[in-house]
Amino acid sequence: MSASVTQRPQTAGSNFAALNRQIVEAGLLERRPAYYAVRVSVVSAMFAGGWLAFFMLGSSWWNIAAAAWLGVVFSQVALLAHDVAHRQVFRTKRPSALAGRIAGNVAVGMSYGWWMDKHTRHHANPNHDELDPDVQPELLIWATESAWGRRGVKGFVNRHQAGLFFPLLTLLSVDLRISSIKALRRRGMKCRGPEAGLMALHLVAYAAALLLVLSPLQALVYFLVHHAVFGVYLGMTFAPNHKGMPHPTGAEDYLRKQVLTSRNVKGGRLTDVALGGLNYQIEHHLFPAMPTPNLPKAQPIVRAYCERAGIPYEETGLISSYRQALRHLHAVGAPLRAARRDRRLAAAGGAPTPR
């Protein structure tokens, strides 16, 4: 497994050093135990309330509303696990790992260790075509070079990926579980046995609850609604952060690599809560161990520093951030659409599209 997501960059002699000193002197890297005590309590109450409603409603179609509620709650649990992974909540490794596995493997049903390894690599090289697992070509593609040669289902999806983006997010929750299971089957993963056991506990308990309380049709609809809401919500918290932003060459220093590839989302307190603080993506990437409530306090310091250094600081509204991401997806799929038109024209005896 790669280094912890909390590993801090080397700052000596870099453009980041002066900014780092300002943040440290302002006390913005200090823990916020009271904030996290309240947040953990609220999210835990939401989680328990969702399952209590599930059992009280029983075999009723009203339980589908509880499924949507738990989809939202699962996303909030995942966002809390994200903060735990970055050591924002606990200072040391052992309680962080324990809390992370409870939130990730037991509560949500995905491998905390697999996700942490993946997220570590993302933080080290955000938006890098070869090194960031979040932009490597899978079903969706984020770089034009990845489009060439794609046919069949993947080709169809990539030609229309901007329009299919949000519908495909409904499958994100299932994809995370499949990826977790694949990772747990590979030897070499740390704590592989406990991770697998805790995830199996979640899957068995979840399936048993649905099949024992609901009719087969209700259980199916509950599962689909729950995981569709979870996937869309979780995907919408991460999509605005980097999608459509520049892809680095690898030669940038730490400050530019993190700032130029990230986008902040403007909004009030509701946006902060809904996105779990990830709307301050620039500050989070520069200082991943900074507690979430300190991110808005760090923003004016970081923005002013970037202005003095001549580094573009991207900030936009939530809807605009999705538009930018979708425009990028549409542009990346353009070569596939052009190639398909050329094939059709060639079959009809016409001239290919000029490029």
Protein backbone atom coordinates (compact mmCIF):
# COMPACT_ATOMS: atom_id res chain seq x y z
CA MET A 1 0.00 0.00 0.00
CA SER A 2 1.20 3.51 -0.74
CA ALA A 3 1.90 6.14 1.89
CA SER A 4 -0.91 7.39 4.07
CA VAL A 5 -3.18 10.07 2.65
CA THR A 6 -2.09 12.23 5.56
CA GLN A 7 1.53 12.36 4.52
CA ARG A 8 2.57 16.02 4.29
CA PRO A 9 4.68 17.32 1.43
CA GLN A 10 8.26 18.43 1.80
CA THR A 11 8.16 22.21 1.93
CA ALA A 12 11.81 23.25 2.32
CA GLY A 13 12.86 25.54 -0.50
CA SER A 14 9.51 25.32 -2.31
CA ASN A 15 6.87 27.93 -3.15
CA PHE A 16 4.64 26.12 -0.70
CA ALA A 17 6.84 26.82 2.33
CA ALA A 18 5.71 30.40 3.00
CA LEU A 19 2.04 29.47 2.62
CA ASN A 20 2.49 26.50 4.92
CA ARG A 21 4.01 28.76 7.60
CA GLN A 22 1.02 31.11 7.43
CA ILE A 23 -1.41 28.23 7.85
CA VAL A 24 0.54 26.74 10.76
CA GLU A 25 0.84 30.10 12.51
CA ALA A 26 -2.92 30.61 12.13
CA GLY A 27 -3.47 27.29 13.96
CA LEU A 28 -5.53 25.86 11.11
CA LEU A 29 -3.92 22.41 11.24
CA GLU A 30 -4.96 21.91 14.86
CA ARG A 31 -7.54 19.19 15.59
CA ARG A 32 -11.21 20.12 16.12
CA PRO A 33 -12.45 17.35 18.46
CA ALA A 34 -15.67 19.13 19.48
CA TYR A 35 -16.72 19.60 15.85
CA TYR A 36 -16.12 15.95 15.01
CA ALA A 37 -17.83 14.76 18.19
CA VAL A 38 -20.96 16.63 17.10
CA ARG A 39 -20.67 15.53 13.47
CA VAL A 40 -20.16 11.86 14.35
CA SER A 41 -23.13 12.01 16.73
CA VAL A 42 -25.41 13.61 14.14
CA VAL A 43 -24.43 11.23 11.33
CA SER A 44 -24.74 8.23 13.67
CA ALA A 45 -28.22 9.38 14.71
CA MET A 46 -29.20 9.78 11.05
CA PHE A 47 -27.89 6.29 10.30
CA ALA A 48 -29.67 4.69 13.27
CA GLY A 49 -32.86 6.61 12.51
CA GLY A 50 -32.88 5.38 8.92
CA TRP A 51 -32.65 1.74 9.96
CA LEU A 52 -35.16 2.24 12.79
CA ALA A 53 -37.63 3.65 10.26
CA PHE A 54 -36.91 0.67 8.00
CA PHE A 55 -37.88 -1.87 10.66
CA MET A 56 -40.85 0.16 11.95
CA LEU A 57 -42.32 0.59 8.47
CA GLY A 58 -41.85 -3.08 7.70
CA SER A 59 -43.25 -4.53 4.49
CA SER A 60 -44.60 -1.24 3.19
CA TRP A 61 -43.94 0.72 0.02
CA TRP A 62 -43.40 3.75 2.26
CA ASN A 63 -40.09 2.12 3.07
CA ILE A 64 -38.79 3.31 -0.31
CA ALA A 65 -38.62 6.79 1.23
CA ALA A 66 -36.43 5.32 3.95
CA ALA A 67 -34.23 3.86 1.20
CA ALA A 68 -33.70 7.31 -0.29
CA TRP A 69 -32.94 8.71 3.16
CA LEU A 70 -30.33 6.03 3.82
CA GLY A 71 -28.77 6.76 0.43
CA VAL A 72 -28.11 10.30 1.65
CA VAL A 73 -26.92 9.05 5.04
CA PHE A 74 -24.52 6.50 3.51
CA SER A 75 -22.93 9.37 1.57
CA GLN A 76 -22.49 11.38 4.75
CA VAL A 77 -20.89 8.35 6.43
CA ALA A 78 -18.53 8.00 3.45
CA LEU A 79 -17.60 11.70 3.69
CA LEU A 80 -16.87 11.22 7.39
CA ALA A 81 -14.69 8.20 6.57
CA HIS A 82 -12.83 10.44 4.13
CA ASP A 83 -11.95 12.85 6.96
CA VAL A 84 -10.91 9.94 9.17
CA ALA A 85 -8.57 8.64 6.46
CA HIS A 86 -6.84 12.01 6.30
CA ARG A 87 -6.24 11.95 10.09
CA GLN A 88 -8.44 14.98 10.52
CA VAL A 89 -10.36 13.29 13.31
CA PHE A 90 -7.74 11.24 15.19
CA ARG A 91 -4.06 12.03 15.40
CA THR A 92 -2.75 8.46 15.41
CA LYS A 93 -3.05 5.56 12.99
CA ARG A 94 -4.78 2.91 15.13
CA PRO A 95 -7.99 4.79 16.07
CA SER A 96 -8.16 6.23 12.54
CA ALA A 97 -7.98 2.75 11.00
CA LEU A 98 -10.57 1.38 13.45
CA ALA A 99 -13.02 4.22 12.87
CA GLY A 100 -12.42 4.08 9.13
CA ARG A 101 -13.22 0.39 8.91
CA ILE A 102 -16.33 0.78 11.04
CA ALA A 103 -17.58 3.61 8.80
CA GLY A 104 -16.40 2.12 5.50
CA ASN A 105 -16.56 -1.68 5.74
CA VAL A 106 -19.33 -2.11 8.32
CA ALA A 107 -21.64 0.89 7.83
CA VAL A 108 -21.27 1.51 4.09
CA GLY A 109 -20.01 -1.86 2.82
CA MET A 110 -16.86 -0.97 0.90
CA SER A 111 -13.21 -1.62 1.64
CA TYR A 112 -11.70 1.26 3.59
CA GLY A 113 -8.15 0.04 2.97
CA TRP A 114 -8.63 -0.27 -0.79
CA TRP A 115 -10.21 3.18 -1.02
CA MET A 116 -7.51 4.77 1.12
CA ASP A 117 -4.78 3.38 -1.11
CA LYS A 118 -6.60 4.65 -4.21
CA HIS A 119 -7.23 8.06 -2.67
CA THR A 120 -3.59 8.38 -1.61
CA ARG A 121 -2.49 7.98 -5.21
CA HIS A 122 -5.07 10.54 -6.32
CA HIS A 123 -3.78 13.13 -3.83
CA ALA A 124 -0.18 12.53 -4.87
CA ASN A 125 -0.90 13.18 -8.57
CA PRO A 126 -4.34 14.73 -9.09
CA ASN A 127 -5.63 14.59 -12.68
CA HIS A 128 -2.42 12.98 -13.94
CA ASP A 129 -3.42 10.76 -16.87
CA GLU A 130 -1.16 7.87 -15.84
CA LEU A 131 -0.80 8.22 -12.06
CA ASP A 132 -4.23 9.34 -10.80
CA PRO A 133 -6.57 6.31 -10.59
CA ASP A 134 -9.59 8.64 -10.63
CA VAL A 135 -8.95 9.69 -14.24
CA GLN A 136 -7.57 6.47 -15.66
CA PRO A 137 -9.82 5.18 -18.46
CA GLU A 138 -12.53 2.78 -17.36
CA LEU A 139 -16.13 3.10 -18.53
CA LEU A 140 -15.83 6.90 -18.69
CA ILE A 141 -12.76 8.58 -20.15
CA TRP A 142 -11.28 11.92 -19.11
CA ALA A 143 -8.48 12.37 -21.67
CA THR A 144 -8.90 12.54 -25.45
CA GLU A 145 -6.08 10.04 -26.05
CA SER A 146 -8.09 7.39 -24.23
CA ALA A 147 -10.94 7.63 -26.74
CA TRP A 148 -9.18 6.11 -29.73
CA GLY A 149 -10.04 2.53 -30.59
CA ARG A 150 -13.04 2.21 -28.29
CA ARG A 151 -15.90 0.24 -29.83
CA GLY A 152 -18.98 -1.60 -28.65
CA VAL A 153 -20.61 -0.66 -25.34
CA LYS A 154 -17.65 1.42 -24.17
CA GLY A 155 -17.56 3.26 -27.48
CA PHE A 156 -21.28 4.03 -27.26
CA VAL A 157 -20.95 5.25 -23.66
CA ASN A 158 -17.95 7.44 -24.47
CA ARG A 159 -19.66 9.01 -27.47
CA HIS A 160 -22.54 10.04 -25.22
CA GLN A 161 -20.80 10.16 -21.85
CA ALA A 162 -21.82 13.72 -20.99
CA GLY A 163 -25.49 12.80 -21.25
CA LEU A 164 -24.98 9.47 -19.50
CA PHE A 165 -22.86 10.81 -16.65
CA PHE A 166 -25.59 11.26 -14.03
CA PRO A 167 -27.48 8.06 -14.97
CA LEU A 168 -24.21 6.13 -14.66
CA LEU A 169 -23.69 7.53 -11.17
CA THR A 170 -26.62 5.39 -10.04
CA LEU A 171 -24.25 2.42 -10.48
CA LEU A 172 -21.35 3.98 -8.52
CA SER A 173 -22.25 2.34 -5.22
CA VAL A 174 -22.33 -1.14 -6.78
CA ASP A 175 -19.07 -0.42 -8.62
CA LEU A 176 -17.36 0.54 -5.36
CA ARG A 177 -18.39 -2.78 -3.83
CA ILE A 178 -17.22 -4.77 -6.84
CA SER A 179 -13.87 -2.93 -6.82
CA SER A 180 -13.55 -3.58 -3.09
CA ILE A 181 -14.16 -7.31 -3.51
CA LYS A 182 -11.62 -7.48 -6.35
CA ALA A 183 -9.05 -5.70 -4.18
CA LEU A 184 -9.68 -8.01 -1.23
CA ARG A 185 -9.09 -11.04 -3.43
CA ARG A 186 -5.56 -9.85 -4.25
CA ARG A 187 -2.75 -10.93 -1.97
CA GLY A 188 -0.55 -8.28 -0.43
CA MET A 189 -3.29 -5.97 0.77
CA LYS A 190 -2.83 -4.99 4.41
CA CYS A 191 -5.41 -6.29 6.91
CA ARG A 192 -7.01 -8.29 4.13
CA GLY A 193 -8.74 -10.76 6.46
CA PRO A 194 -10.34 -8.23 8.84
CA GLU A 195 -11.33 -6.02 5.91
CA ALA A 196 -13.04 -8.92 4.15
CA GLY A 197 -14.73 -10.11 7.33
CA LEU A 198 -16.16 -6.68 8.17
CA MET A 199 -17.37 -6.13 4.63
CA ALA A 200 -18.98 -9.59 4.58
CA LEU A 201 -20.73 -8.70 7.87
CA HIS A 202 -22.26 -5.65 6.21
CA LEU A 203 -23.35 -7.51 3.07
CA VAL A 204 -24.92 -10.41 4.97
CA ALA A 205 -26.72 -8.16 7.47
CA TYR A 206 -27.96 -5.85 4.70
CA ALA A 207 -29.28 -8.69 2.53
CA ALA A 208 -30.88 -10.44 5.53
CA ALA A 209 -32.65 -7.25 6.63
CA LEU A 210 -34.14 -6.62 3.19
CA LEU A 211 -35.20 -10.22 2.57
CA LEU A 212 -36.67 -10.78 6.05
CA VAL A 213 -38.60 -7.50 6.30
CA LEU A 214 -39.66 -6.78 2.72
CA SER A 215 -41.32 -8.77 -0.03
CA PRO A 216 -38.96 -9.82 -2.86
CA LEU A 217 -40.19 -7.02 -5.15
CA GLN A 218 -40.01 -4.43 -2.37
CA ALA A 219 -36.50 -5.59 -1.48
CA LEU A 220 -35.38 -5.18 -5.10
CA VAL A 221 -36.87 -1.69 -5.40
CA TYR A 222 -35.44 -0.72 -2.01
CA PHE A 223 -31.97 -1.85 -3.07
CA LEU A 224 -32.17 0.01 -6.38
CA VAL A 225 -33.40 3.27 -4.85
CA HIS A 226 -31.00 3.14 -1.91
CA HIS A 227 -27.90 2.55 -3.99
CA ALA A 228 -28.96 4.86 -6.82
CA VAL A 229 -29.34 7.78 -4.38
CA PHE A 230 -26.10 6.85 -2.63
CA GLY A 231 -24.19 6.66 -5.91
CA VAL A 232 -25.56 9.90 -7.36
CA TYR A 233 -25.03 11.86 -4.15
CA LEU A 234 -21.52 10.53 -3.59
CA GLY A 235 -20.57 11.11 -7.22
CA MET A 236 -21.92 14.66 -7.10
CA THR A 237 -19.71 15.48 -4.12
CA PHE A 238 -16.55 14.48 -6.02
CA ALA A 239 -17.40 15.42 -9.63
CA PRO A 240 -17.00 19.22 -9.22
CA ASN A 241 -13.53 18.97 -7.69
CA HIS A 242 -11.20 18.08 -10.59
CA LYS A 243 -13.23 17.11 -13.65
CA GLY A 244 -12.59 19.48 -16.52
CA MET A 245 -9.52 20.99 -14.84
CA PRO A 246 -6.02 20.87 -16.42
CA HIS A 247 -4.09 17.61 -16.50
CA PRO A 248 -0.52 18.14 -15.19
CA THR A 249 2.66 17.04 -16.91
CA GLY A 250 4.34 15.98 -13.66
CA ALA A 251 6.93 18.78 -13.78
CA GLU A 252 4.88 21.18 -11.63
CA ASP A 253 5.86 21.95 -8.04
CA TYR A 254 3.56 20.82 -5.23
CA LEU A 255 1.69 24.13 -4.96
CA ARG A 256 0.86 24.39 -8.67
CA LYS A 257 0.13 20.70 -9.04
CA GLN A 258 -2.54 20.86 -6.35
CA VAL A 259 -4.02 24.29 -7.11
CA LEU A 260 -4.17 24.15 -10.91
CA THR A 261 -5.92 20.78 -10.99
CA SER A 262 -8.54 21.62 -8.34
CA ARG A 263 -11.73 23.66 -8.35
CA ASN A 264 -13.54 25.21 -5.39
CA VAL A 265 -17.33 25.44 -5.27
CA LYS A 266 -18.93 28.59 -3.91
CA GLY A 267 -21.91 28.31 -1.61
CA GLY A 268 -23.14 28.84 1.91
CA ARG A 269 -23.31 26.63 4.95
CA LEU A 270 -25.72 24.22 3.25
CA THR A 271 -23.17 23.60 0.48
CA ASP A 272 -20.47 23.00 3.10
CA VAL A 273 -22.63 20.38 4.81
CA ALA A 274 -23.88 18.73 1.61
CA LEU A 275 -20.39 18.37 0.12
CA GLY A 276 -18.68 17.56 3.42
CA GLY A 277 -16.18 20.41 3.01
CA LEU A 278 -14.97 19.09 -0.36
CA ASN A 279 -16.17 22.33 -1.92
CA TYR A 280 -12.88 23.76 -0.54
CA GLN A 281 -10.98 21.33 -2.74
CA ILE A 282 -7.94 23.56 -3.29
CA GLU A 283 -7.33 24.01 0.42
CA HIS A 284 -8.04 20.34 1.08
CA HIS A 285 -5.49 19.22 -1.51
CA LEU A 286 -2.84 21.59 -0.21
CA PHE A 287 -3.48 20.61 3.43
CA PRO A 288 -5.20 17.18 3.45
CA ALA A 289 -4.91 16.82 7.24
CA MET A 290 -6.68 20.13 7.88
CA PRO A 291 -10.00 19.57 9.71
CA THR A 292 -13.04 20.39 7.57
CA PRO A 293 -14.26 23.37 9.66
CA ASN A 294 -10.88 25.08 9.20
CA LEU A 295 -10.98 24.94 5.40
CA PRO A 296 -13.14 28.08 4.93
CA LYS A 297 -10.80 29.95 7.29
CA ALA A 298 -7.81 28.88 5.20
CA GLN A 299 -9.45 29.88 1.91
CA PRO A 300 -8.75 33.65 2.00
CA ILE A 301 -5.13 32.98 2.99
CA VAL A 302 -4.61 30.51 0.15
CA ARG A 303 -6.43 32.61 -2.43
CA ALA A 304 -4.43 35.76 -1.57
CA TYR A 305 -1.18 33.79 -1.70
CA CYS A 306 -2.04 32.37 -5.12
CA GLU A 307 -2.89 35.84 -6.42
CA ARG A 308 0.50 37.17 -5.30
CA ALA A 309 2.25 34.17 -6.87
CA GLY A 310 0.32 34.54 -10.13
CA ILE A 311 -1.29 31.10 -9.84
CA PRO A 312 -4.87 30.82 -11.18
CA TYR A 313 -7.35 30.02 -8.40
CA GLU A 314 -10.52 28.41 -9.80
CA GLU A 315 -13.79 28.94 -7.95
CA THR A 316 -17.29 28.63 -9.34
CA GLY A 317 -20.87 27.85 -8.40
CA LEU A 318 -22.12 24.30 -7.96
CA ILE A 319 -24.23 24.17 -11.13
CA SER A 320 -21.45 25.78 -13.15
CA SER A 321 -18.97 23.19 -11.86
CA TYR A 322 -21.16 20.38 -13.20
CA ARG A 323 -21.52 22.17 -16.53
CA GLN A 324 -17.75 22.45 -16.85
CA ALA A 325 -17.29 18.77 -16.05
CA LEU A 326 -19.97 17.73 -18.56
CA ARG A 327 -18.52 19.99 -21.27
CA HIS A 328 -15.15 18.34 -20.70
CA LEU A 329 -16.69 14.87 -21.00
CA HIS A 330 -18.46 15.89 -24.20
CA ALA A 331 -15.24 17.29 -25.70
CA VAL A 332 -13.24 14.19 -24.81
CA GLY A 333 -15.77 11.99 -26.64
CA ALA A 334 -15.63 14.15 -29.78
CA PRO A 335 -13.04 11.97 -31.63
CA LEU A 336 -15.26 8.92 -31.23
CA ARG A 337 -18.29 10.78 -32.56
CA ALA A 338 -16.27 12.08 -35.51
CA ALA A 339 -14.89 8.61 -36.26
CA ARG A 340 -18.40 7.14 -36.22
CA ARG A 341 -19.61 9.83 -38.64
CA ASP A 342 -16.66 9.08 -40.93
CA ARG A 343 -17.48 5.38 -40.97
CA ARG A 344 -21.09 6.12 -41.84
CA LEU A 345 -20.06 8.54 -44.58
CA ALA A 346 -17.56 6.05 -45.96
CA ALA A 347 -20.25 3.38 -46.05
CA ALA A 348 -22.51 5.81 -47.91
CA GLY A 349 -19.73 6.87 -50.31
CA GLY A 350 -19.24 10.35 -48.76
CA ALA A 351 -16.11 12.26 -47.72
CA PRO A 352 -14.76 11.98 -44.16
CA THR A 353 -15.08 14.82 -41.67
CA PRO A 354 -12.07 17.20 -41.90
CA ARG A 355 -9.98 17.49 -38.75
